[in-house]
């Protein structure tokens, strides 16, 4: 499998990656597109979602900023003010 993969990469003329890098790319794409980490963990065969989050949390650096944006939007659309 690995040899066939390497041959395909050479034929495609793209930078060489390891076969295992496909797994990481798969998980990264899913998480960046908002797929729930539990689902990603199950697809990867991780025994717990914490393993997935510990391994891939670096691909979600804007998570805190997104949480703030969502709360601000909630307050804006509901006419609420924080602390009230």
PDB file of N, CA and C in Angstrom:
ATOM      1  N   UNK A   1       0.827  -1.178   0.000  1.00  0.00           N
ATOM      2  CA  UNK A   1       0.000   0.000   0.000  1.00  0.00           C
ATOM      3  C   UNK A   1       0.881   1.255   0.000  1.00  0.00           C
ATOM      4  N   UNK A   2       1.893   1.237   0.851  1.00  0.00           N
ATOM      5  CA  UNK A   2       2.770   2.407   0.950  1.00  0.00           C
ATOM      6  C   UNK A   2       3.490   2.678  -0.369  1.00  0.00           C
ATOM      7  N   UNK A   3       3.970   1.626  -1.020  1.00  0.00           N
ATOM      8  CA  UNK A   3       4.676   1.801  -2.294  1.00  0.00           C
ATOM      9  C   UNK A   3       3.752   2.354  -3.367  1.00  0.00           C
ATOM     10  N   UNK A   4       2.543   1.850  -3.416  1.00  0.00           N
ATOM     11  CA  UNK A   4       1.573   2.355  -4.395  1.00  0.00           C
ATOM     12  C   UNK A   4       1.250   3.823  -4.117  1.00  0.00           C
ATOM     13  N   UNK A   5       1.150   4.167  -2.856  1.00  0.00           N
ATOM     14  CA  UNK A   5       0.880   5.549  -2.472  1.00  0.00           C
ATOM     15  C   UNK A   5       2.035   6.462  -2.902  1.00  0.00           C
ATOM     16  N   UNK A   6       3.265   6.041  -2.628  1.00  0.00           N
ATOM     17  CA  UNK A   6       4.429   6.836  -3.015  1.00  0.00           C
ATOM     18  C   UNK A   6       4.513   7.003  -4.529  1.00  0.00           C
ATOM     19  N   UNK A   7       4.212   5.950  -5.252  1.00  0.00           N
ATOM     20  CA  UNK A   7       4.225   6.023  -6.712  1.00  0.00           C
ATOM     21  C   UNK A   7       3.170   7.006  -7.206  1.00  0.00           C
ATOM     22  N   UNK A   8       2.001   6.975  -6.602  1.00  0.00           N
ATOM     23  CA  UNK A   8       0.926   7.904  -6.985  1.00  0.00           C
ATOM     24  C   UNK A   8       1.337   9.354  -6.742  1.00  0.00           C
ATOM     25  N   UNK A   9       2.018   9.584  -5.632  1.00  0.00           N
ATOM     26  CA  UNK A   9       2.490  10.941  -5.312  1.00  0.00           C
ATOM     27  C   UNK A   9       3.495  11.404  -6.358  1.00  0.00           C
ATOM     28  N   UNK A  10       4.429  10.547  -6.692  1.00  0.00           N
ATOM     29  CA  UNK A  10       5.437  10.915  -7.695  1.00  0.00           C
ATOM     30  C   UNK A  10       4.786  11.216  -9.035  1.00  0.00           C
ATOM     31  N   UNK A  11       3.848  10.373  -9.435  1.00  0.00           N
ATOM     32  CA  UNK A  11       3.163  10.573 -10.714  1.00  0.00           C
ATOM     33  C   UNK A  11       2.349  11.864 -10.721  1.00  0.00           C
ATOM     34  N   UNK A  12       1.780  12.197  -9.585  1.00  0.00           N
ATOM     35  CA  UNK A  12       0.964  13.415  -9.492  1.00  0.00           C
ATOM     36  C   UNK A  12       1.836  14.669  -9.442  1.00  0.00           C
ATOM     37  N   UNK A  13       3.113  14.496  -9.102  1.00  0.00           N
ATOM     38  CA  UNK A  13       4.012  15.638  -9.045  1.00  0.00           C
ATOM     39  C   UNK A  13       3.744  16.569  -7.873  1.00  0.00           C
ATOM     40  N   UNK A  14       3.216  16.017  -6.796  1.00  0.00           N
ATOM     41  CA  UNK A  14       2.938  16.819  -5.602  1.00  0.00           C
ATOM     42  C   UNK A  14       3.994  16.520  -4.542  1.00  0.00           C
ATOM     43  N   UNK A  15       4.121  17.398  -3.558  1.00  0.00           N
ATOM     44  CA  UNK A  15       5.111  17.143  -2.503  1.00  0.00           C
ATOM     45  C   UNK A  15       4.849  15.815  -1.801  1.00  0.00           C
ATOM     46  N   UNK A  16       5.926  15.133  -1.456  1.00  0.00           N
ATOM     47  CA  UNK A  16       5.809  13.825  -0.819  1.00  0.00           C
ATOM     48  C   UNK A  16       5.328  13.961   0.627  1.00  0.00           C
ATOM     49  N   UNK A  17       4.380  13.116   0.984  1.00  0.00           N
ATOM     50  CA  UNK A  17       3.884  13.030   2.358  1.00  0.00           C
ATOM     51  C   UNK A  17       3.855  11.562   2.752  1.00  0.00           C
ATOM     52  N   UNK A  18       3.750  11.336   4.047  1.00  0.00           N
ATOM     53  CA  UNK A  18       3.620   9.965   4.529  1.00  0.00           C
ATOM     54  C   UNK A  18       2.149   9.543   4.410  1.00  0.00           C
ATOM     55  N   UNK A  19       1.929   8.262   4.284  1.00  0.00           N
ATOM     56  CA  UNK A  19       0.562   7.748   4.202  1.00  0.00           C
ATOM     57  C   UNK A  19      -0.234   8.159   5.435  1.00  0.00           C
ATOM     58  N   UNK A  20       0.402   8.134   6.602  1.00  0.00           N
ATOM     59  CA  UNK A  20      -0.262   8.501   7.854  1.00  0.00           C
ATOM     60  C   UNK A  20      -0.706   9.967   7.846  1.00  0.00           C
ATOM     61  N   UNK A  21      -0.044  10.799   7.057  1.00  0.00           N
ATOM     62  CA  UNK A  21      -0.435  12.207   6.964  1.00  0.00           C
ATOM     63  C   UNK A  21      -1.854  12.362   6.429  1.00  0.00           C
ATOM     64  N   UNK A  22      -2.322  11.397   5.655  1.00  0.00           N
ATOM     65  CA  UNK A  22      -3.704  11.443   5.161  1.00  0.00           C
ATOM     66  C   UNK A  22      -4.701  11.383   6.319  1.00  0.00           C
ATOM     67  N   UNK A  23      -4.383  10.605   7.328  1.00  0.00           N
ATOM     68  CA  UNK A  23      -5.233  10.486   8.512  1.00  0.00           C
ATOM     69  C   UNK A  23      -5.329  11.835   9.224  1.00  0.00           C
ATOM     70  N   UNK A  24      -4.166  12.473   9.399  1.00  0.00           N
ATOM     71  CA  UNK A  24      -4.133  13.776  10.058  1.00  0.00           C
ATOM     72  C   UNK A  24      -4.898  14.818   9.235  1.00  0.00           C
ATOM     73  N   UNK A  25      -4.705  14.792   7.933  1.00  0.00           N
ATOM     74  CA  UNK A  25      -5.407  15.729   7.055  1.00  0.00           C
ATOM     75  C   UNK A  25      -6.912  15.522   7.129  1.00  0.00           C
ATOM     76  N   UNK A  26      -7.329  14.282   7.126  1.00  0.00           N
ATOM     77  CA  UNK A  26      -8.748  13.940   7.229  1.00  0.00           C
ATOM     78  C   UNK A  26      -9.348  14.533   8.508  1.00  0.00           C
ATOM     79  N   UNK A  27      -8.695  14.291   9.634  1.00  0.00           N
ATOM     80  CA  UNK A  27      -9.190  14.802  10.912  1.00  0.00           C
ATOM     81  C   UNK A  27      -9.186  16.325  10.928  1.00  0.00           C
ATOM     82  N   UNK A  28      -8.131  16.921  10.419  1.00  0.00           N
ATOM     83  CA  UNK A  28      -8.020  18.374  10.396  1.00  0.00           C
ATOM     84  C   UNK A  28      -9.141  18.995   9.577  1.00  0.00           C
ATOM     85  N   UNK A  29      -9.377  18.479   8.383  1.00  0.00           N
ATOM     86  CA  UNK A  29     -10.451  19.017   7.533  1.00  0.00           C
ATOM     87  C   UNK A  29     -11.806  18.914   8.225  1.00  0.00           C
ATOM     88  N   UNK A  30     -12.087  17.764   8.825  1.00  0.00           N
ATOM     89  CA  UNK A  30     -13.376  17.584   9.487  1.00  0.00           C
ATOM     90  C   UNK A  30     -13.557  18.575  10.636  1.00  0.00           C
ATOM     91  N   UNK A  31     -12.544  18.714  11.469  1.00  0.00           N
ATOM     92  CA  UNK A  31     -12.642  19.629  12.608  1.00  0.00           C
ATOM     93  C   UNK A  31     -12.774  21.079  12.139  1.00  0.00           C
ATOM     94  N   UNK A  32     -12.007  21.469  11.132  1.00  0.00           N
ATOM     95  CA  UNK A  32     -12.080  22.846  10.624  1.00  0.00           C
ATOM     96  C   UNK A  32     -13.429  23.152   9.994  1.00  0.00           C
ATOM     97  N   UNK A  33     -14.105  22.132   9.501  1.00  0.00           N
ATOM     98  CA  UNK A  33     -15.431  22.315   8.898  1.00  0.00           C
ATOM     99  C   UNK A  33     -16.548  22.194   9.924  1.00  0.00           C
ATOM    100  N   UNK A  34     -16.182  22.044  11.187  1.00  0.00           N
ATOM    101  CA  UNK A  34     -17.179  22.063  12.246  1.00  0.00           C
ATOM    102  C   UNK A  34     -17.791  20.723  12.607  1.00  0.00           C
ATOM    103  N   UNK A  35     -17.217  19.636  12.122  1.00  0.00           N
ATOM    104  CA  UNK A  35     -17.713  18.319  12.507  1.00  0.00           C
ATOM    105  C   UNK A  35     -17.407  18.126  13.992  1.00  0.00           C
ATOM    106  N   UNK A  36     -18.366  17.621  14.722  1.00  0.00           N
ATOM    107  CA  UNK A  36     -18.221  17.465  16.168  1.00  0.00           C
ATOM    108  C   UNK A  36     -17.016  16.577  16.480  1.00  0.00           C
ATOM    109  N   UNK A  37     -16.175  16.993  17.435  1.00  0.00           N
ATOM    110  CA  UNK A  37     -14.987  16.201  17.780  1.00  0.00           C
ATOM    111  C   UNK A  37     -15.277  14.752  18.160  1.00  0.00           C
ATOM    112  N   UNK A  38     -16.436  14.490  18.728  1.00  0.00           N
ATOM    113  CA  UNK A  38     -16.802  13.107  19.076  1.00  0.00           C
ATOM    114  C   UNK A  38     -16.903  12.248  17.814  1.00  0.00           C
ATOM    115  N   UNK A  39     -17.472  12.816  16.769  1.00  0.00           N
ATOM    116  CA  UNK A  39     -17.600  12.094  15.497  1.00  0.00           C
ATOM    117  C   UNK A  39     -16.215  11.839  14.910  1.00  0.00           C
ATOM    118  N   UNK A  40     -15.364  12.855  14.953  1.00  0.00           N
ATOM    119  CA  UNK A  40     -13.999  12.696  14.435  1.00  0.00           C
ATOM    120  C   UNK A  40     -13.260  11.622  15.230  1.00  0.00           C
ATOM    121  N   UNK A  41     -13.406  11.655  16.552  1.00  0.00           N
ATOM    122  CA  UNK A  41     -12.766  10.649  17.405  1.00  0.00           C
ATOM    123  C   UNK A  41     -13.205   9.237  17.017  1.00  0.00           C
ATOM    124  N   UNK A  42     -14.497   9.073  16.765  1.00  0.00           N
ATOM    125  CA  UNK A  42     -15.010   7.758  16.377  1.00  0.00           C
ATOM    126  C   UNK A  42     -14.436   7.320  15.030  1.00  0.00           C
ATOM    127  N   UNK A  43     -14.349   8.248  14.091  1.00  0.00           N
ATOM    128  CA  UNK A  43     -13.815   7.906  12.765  1.00  0.00           C
ATOM    129  C   UNK A  43     -12.346   7.502  12.849  1.00  0.00           C
ATOM    130  N   UNK A  44     -11.614   8.129  13.770  1.00  0.00           N
ATOM    131  CA  UNK A  44     -10.195   7.829  13.915  1.00  0.00           C
ATOM    132  C   UNK A  44      -9.938   6.613  14.794  1.00  0.00           C
ATOM    133  N   UNK A  45     -10.970   6.154  15.496  1.00  0.00           N
ATOM    134  CA  UNK A  45     -10.815   5.014  16.372  1.00  0.00           C
ATOM    135  C   UNK A  45     -10.200   5.366  17.709  1.00  0.00           C
ATOM    136  N   UNK A  46     -10.262   6.638  18.084  1.00  0.00           N
ATOM    137  CA  UNK A  46      -9.743   7.043  19.393  1.00  0.00           C
ATOM    138  C   UNK A  46     -10.675   6.539  20.484  1.00  0.00           C
ATOM    139  N   UNK A  47     -10.099   6.168  21.600  1.00  0.00           N
ATOM    140  CA  UNK A  47     -10.901   5.629  22.700  1.00  0.00           C
ATOM    141  C   UNK A  47     -11.679   6.707  23.433  1.00  0.00           C
ATOM    142  N   UNK A  48     -11.272   7.956  23.273  1.00  0.00           N
ATOM    143  CA  UNK A  48     -12.021   9.056  23.888  1.00  0.00           C
ATOM    144  C   UNK A  48     -11.847  10.323  23.057  1.00  0.00           C
ATOM    145  N   UNK A  49     -12.806  11.208  23.175  1.00  0.00           N
ATOM    146  CA  UNK A  49     -12.738  12.470  22.440  1.00  0.00           C
ATOM    147  C   UNK A  49     -11.590  13.331  22.958  1.00  0.00           C
ATOM    148  N   UNK A  50     -11.184  13.132  24.195  1.00  0.00           N
ATOM    149  CA  UNK A  50     -10.080  13.934  24.744  1.00  0.00           C
ATOM    150  C   UNK A  50      -8.772  13.661  23.992  1.00  0.00           C
ATOM    151  N   UNK A  51      -8.576  12.453  23.533  1.00  0.00           N
ATOM    152  CA  UNK A  51      -7.377  12.139  22.741  1.00  0.00           C
ATOM    153  C   UNK A  51      -7.393  12.952  21.454  1.00  0.00           C
ATOM    154  N   UNK A  52      -8.542  12.992  20.811  1.00  0.00           N
ATOM    155  CA  UNK A  52      -8.683  13.759  19.565  1.00  0.00           C
ATOM    156  C   UNK A  52      -8.435  15.232  19.818  1.00  0.00           C
ATOM    157  N   UNK A  53      -9.054  15.776  20.860  1.00  0.00           N
ATOM    158  CA  UNK A  53      -8.893  17.196  21.154  1.00  0.00           C
ATOM    159  C   UNK A  53      -7.464  17.535  21.553  1.00  0.00           C
ATOM    160  N   UNK A  54      -6.822  16.659  22.321  1.00  0.00           N
ATOM    161  CA  UNK A  54      -5.427  16.897  22.697  1.00  0.00           C
ATOM    162  C   UNK A  54      -4.510  16.872  21.470  1.00  0.00           C
ATOM    163  N   UNK A  55      -4.813  15.984  20.549  1.00  0.00           N
ATOM    164  CA  UNK A  55      -3.973  15.824  19.369  1.00  0.00           C
ATOM    165  C   UNK A  55      -4.196  16.919  18.333  1.00  0.00           C
ATOM    166  N   UNK A  56      -5.440  17.337  18.158  1.00  0.00           N
ATOM    167  CA  UNK A  56      -5.780  18.240  17.065  1.00  0.00           C
ATOM    168  C   UNK A  56      -6.224  19.632  17.501  1.00  0.00           C
ATOM    169  N   UNK A  57      -6.090  19.965  18.773  1.00  0.00           N
ATOM    170  CA  UNK A  57      -6.559  21.278  19.235  1.00  0.00           C
ATOM    171  C   UNK A  57      -5.822  22.418  18.539  1.00  0.00           C
ATOM    172  N   UNK A  58      -4.617  22.174  18.075  1.00  0.00           N
ATOM    173  CA  UNK A  58      -3.863  23.234  17.394  1.00  0.00           C
ATOM    174  C   UNK A  58      -4.509  23.661  16.082  1.00  0.00           C
ATOM    175  N   UNK A  59      -5.376  22.831  15.526  1.00  0.00           N
ATOM    176  CA  UNK A  59      -6.032  23.218  14.267  1.00  0.00           C
ATOM    177  C   UNK A  59      -7.289  24.040  14.521  1.00  0.00           C
ATOM    178  N   UNK A  60      -7.617  24.246  15.794  1.00  0.00           N
ATOM    179  CA  UNK A  60      -8.797  25.020  16.149  1.00  0.00           C
ATOM    180  C   UNK A  60      -8.437  26.246  16.996  1.00  0.00           C
ATOM    181  N   UNK A  61      -7.454  27.039  16.577  1.00  0.00           N
ATOM    182  CA  UNK A  61      -7.020  28.156  17.413  1.00  0.00           C
ATOM    183  C   UNK A  61      -8.056  29.256  17.554  1.00  0.00           C
ATOM    184  N   UNK A  62      -8.984  29.325  16.635  1.00  0.00           N
ATOM    185  CA  UNK A  62      -9.975  30.395  16.675  1.00  0.00           C
ATOM    186  C   UNK A  62     -11.251  29.996  17.408  1.00  0.00           C
ATOM    187  N   UNK A  63     -11.231  28.896  18.124  1.00  0.00           N
ATOM    188  CA  UNK A  63     -12.417  28.419  18.822  1.00  0.00           C
ATOM    189  C   UNK A  63     -12.913  29.424  19.855  1.00  0.00           C
ATOM    190  N   UNK A  64     -12.017  29.983  20.641  1.00  0.00           N
ATOM    191  CA  UNK A  64     -12.416  30.968  21.647  1.00  0.00           C
ATOM    192  C   UNK A  64     -12.989  32.211  20.979  1.00  0.00           C
ATOM    193  N   UNK A  65     -12.358  32.675  19.922  1.00  0.00           N
ATOM    194  CA  UNK A  65     -12.859  33.855  19.210  1.00  0.00           C
ATOM    195  C   UNK A  65     -14.247  33.592  18.641  1.00  0.00           C
ATOM    196  N   UNK A  66     -14.466  32.396  18.143  1.00  0.00           N
ATOM    197  CA  UNK A  66     -15.781  32.042  17.604  1.00  0.00           C
ATOM    198  C   UNK A  66     -16.825  32.016  18.702  1.00  0.00           C
ATOM    199  N   UNK A  67     -16.472  31.533  19.882  1.00  0.00           N
ATOM    200  CA  UNK A  67     -17.406  31.512  21.010  1.00  0.00           C
ATOM    201  C   UNK A  67     -17.805  32.937  21.392  1.00  0.00           C
ATOM    202  N   UNK A  68     -16.850  33.844  21.397  1.00  0.00           N
ATOM    203  CA  UNK A  68     -17.148  35.252  21.704  1.00  0.00           C
ATOM    204  C   UNK A  68     -18.071  35.829  20.639  1.00  0.00           C
ATOM    205  N   UNK A  69     -17.783  35.545  19.366  1.00  0.00           N
ATOM    206  CA  UNK A  69     -18.609  36.051  18.269  1.00  0.00           C
ATOM    207  C   UNK A  69     -20.055  35.568  18.394  1.00  0.00           C
ATOM    208  N   UNK A  70     -20.229  34.301  18.727  1.00  0.00           N
ATOM    209  CA  UNK A  70     -21.572  33.730  18.874  1.00  0.00           C
ATOM    210  C   UNK A  70     -22.321  34.408  20.011  1.00  0.00           C
ATOM    211  N   UNK A  71     -21.651  34.601  21.135  1.00  0.00           N
ATOM    212  CA  UNK A  71     -22.313  35.252  22.272  1.00  0.00           C
ATOM    213  C   UNK A  71     -22.649  36.706  21.960  1.00  0.00           C
ATOM    214  N   UNK A  72     -21.756  37.407  21.298  1.00  0.00           N
ATOM    215  CA  UNK A  72     -22.043  38.794  20.920  1.00  0.00           C
ATOM    216  C   UNK A  72     -23.237  38.858  19.987  1.00  0.00           C
ATOM    217  N   UNK A  73     -23.304  37.937  19.051  1.00  0.00           N
ATOM    218  CA  UNK A  73     -24.441  37.884  18.126  1.00  0.00           C
ATOM    219  C   UNK A  73     -25.734  37.595  18.876  1.00  0.00           C
ATOM    220  N   UNK A  74     -25.681  36.704  19.832  1.00  0.00           N
ATOM    221  CA  UNK A  74     -26.855  36.386  20.641  1.00  0.00           C
ATOM    222  C   UNK A  74     -27.355  37.625  21.370  1.00  0.00           C
ATOM    223  N   UNK A  75     -26.442  38.332  22.009  1.00  0.00           N
ATOM    224  CA  UNK A  75     -26.832  39.544  22.725  1.00  0.00           C
ATOM    225  C   UNK A  75     -27.395  40.595  21.770  1.00  0.00           C
ATOM    226  N   UNK A  76     -26.799  40.752  20.619  1.00  0.00           N
ATOM    227  CA  UNK A  76     -27.222  41.753  19.643  1.00  0.00           C
ATOM    228  C   UNK A  76     -28.619  41.448  19.095  1.00  0.00           C
ATOM    229  N   UNK A  77     -28.860  40.195  18.719  1.00  0.00           N
ATOM    230  CA  UNK A  77     -30.142  39.854  18.106  1.00  0.00           C
ATOM    231  C   UNK A  77     -31.274  39.766  19.123  1.00  0.00           C
ATOM    232  N   UNK A  78     -30.964  39.529  20.374  1.00  0.00           N
ATOM    233  CA  UNK A  78     -31.994  39.421  21.412  1.00  0.00           C
ATOM    234  C   UNK A  78     -32.157  40.726  22.198  1.00  0.00           C
ATOM    235  N   UNK A  79     -31.364  41.742  21.850  1.00  0.00           N
ATOM    236  CA  UNK A  79     -31.430  43.002  22.550  1.00  0.00           C
ATOM    237  C   UNK A  79     -30.971  42.896  23.992  1.00  0.00           C
ATOM    238  N   UNK A  80     -30.138  41.931  24.266  1.00  0.00           N
ATOM    239  CA  UNK A  80     -29.647  41.727  25.632  1.00  0.00           C
ATOM    240  C   UNK A  80     -28.347  42.471  25.828  1.00  0.00           C
ATOM    241  N   UNK A  81     -28.064  42.749  27.089  1.00  0.00           N
ATOM    242  CA  UNK A  81     -26.764  43.321  27.444  1.00  0.00           C
ATOM    243  C   UNK A  81     -26.108  42.405  28.445  1.00  0.00           C
ATOM    244  N   UNK A  82     -24.805  42.151  28.266  1.00  0.00           N
ATOM    245  CA  UNK A  82     -24.116  41.297  29.246  1.00  0.00           C
ATOM    246  C   UNK A  82     -24.267  41.829  30.666  1.00  0.00           C
ATOM    247  N   UNK A  83     -24.437  40.930  31.628  1.00  0.00           N
ATOM    248  CA  UNK A  83     -24.541  41.326  33.030  1.00  0.00           C
ATOM    249  C   UNK A  83     -25.947  41.681  33.469  1.00  0.00           C
ATOM    250  N   UNK A  84     -26.922  41.530  32.593  1.00  0.00           N
ATOM    251  CA  UNK A  84     -28.300  41.855  32.955  1.00  0.00           C
ATOM    252  C   UNK A  84     -29.154  40.622  32.936  1.00  0.00           C
TER     253      UNK A  84
END
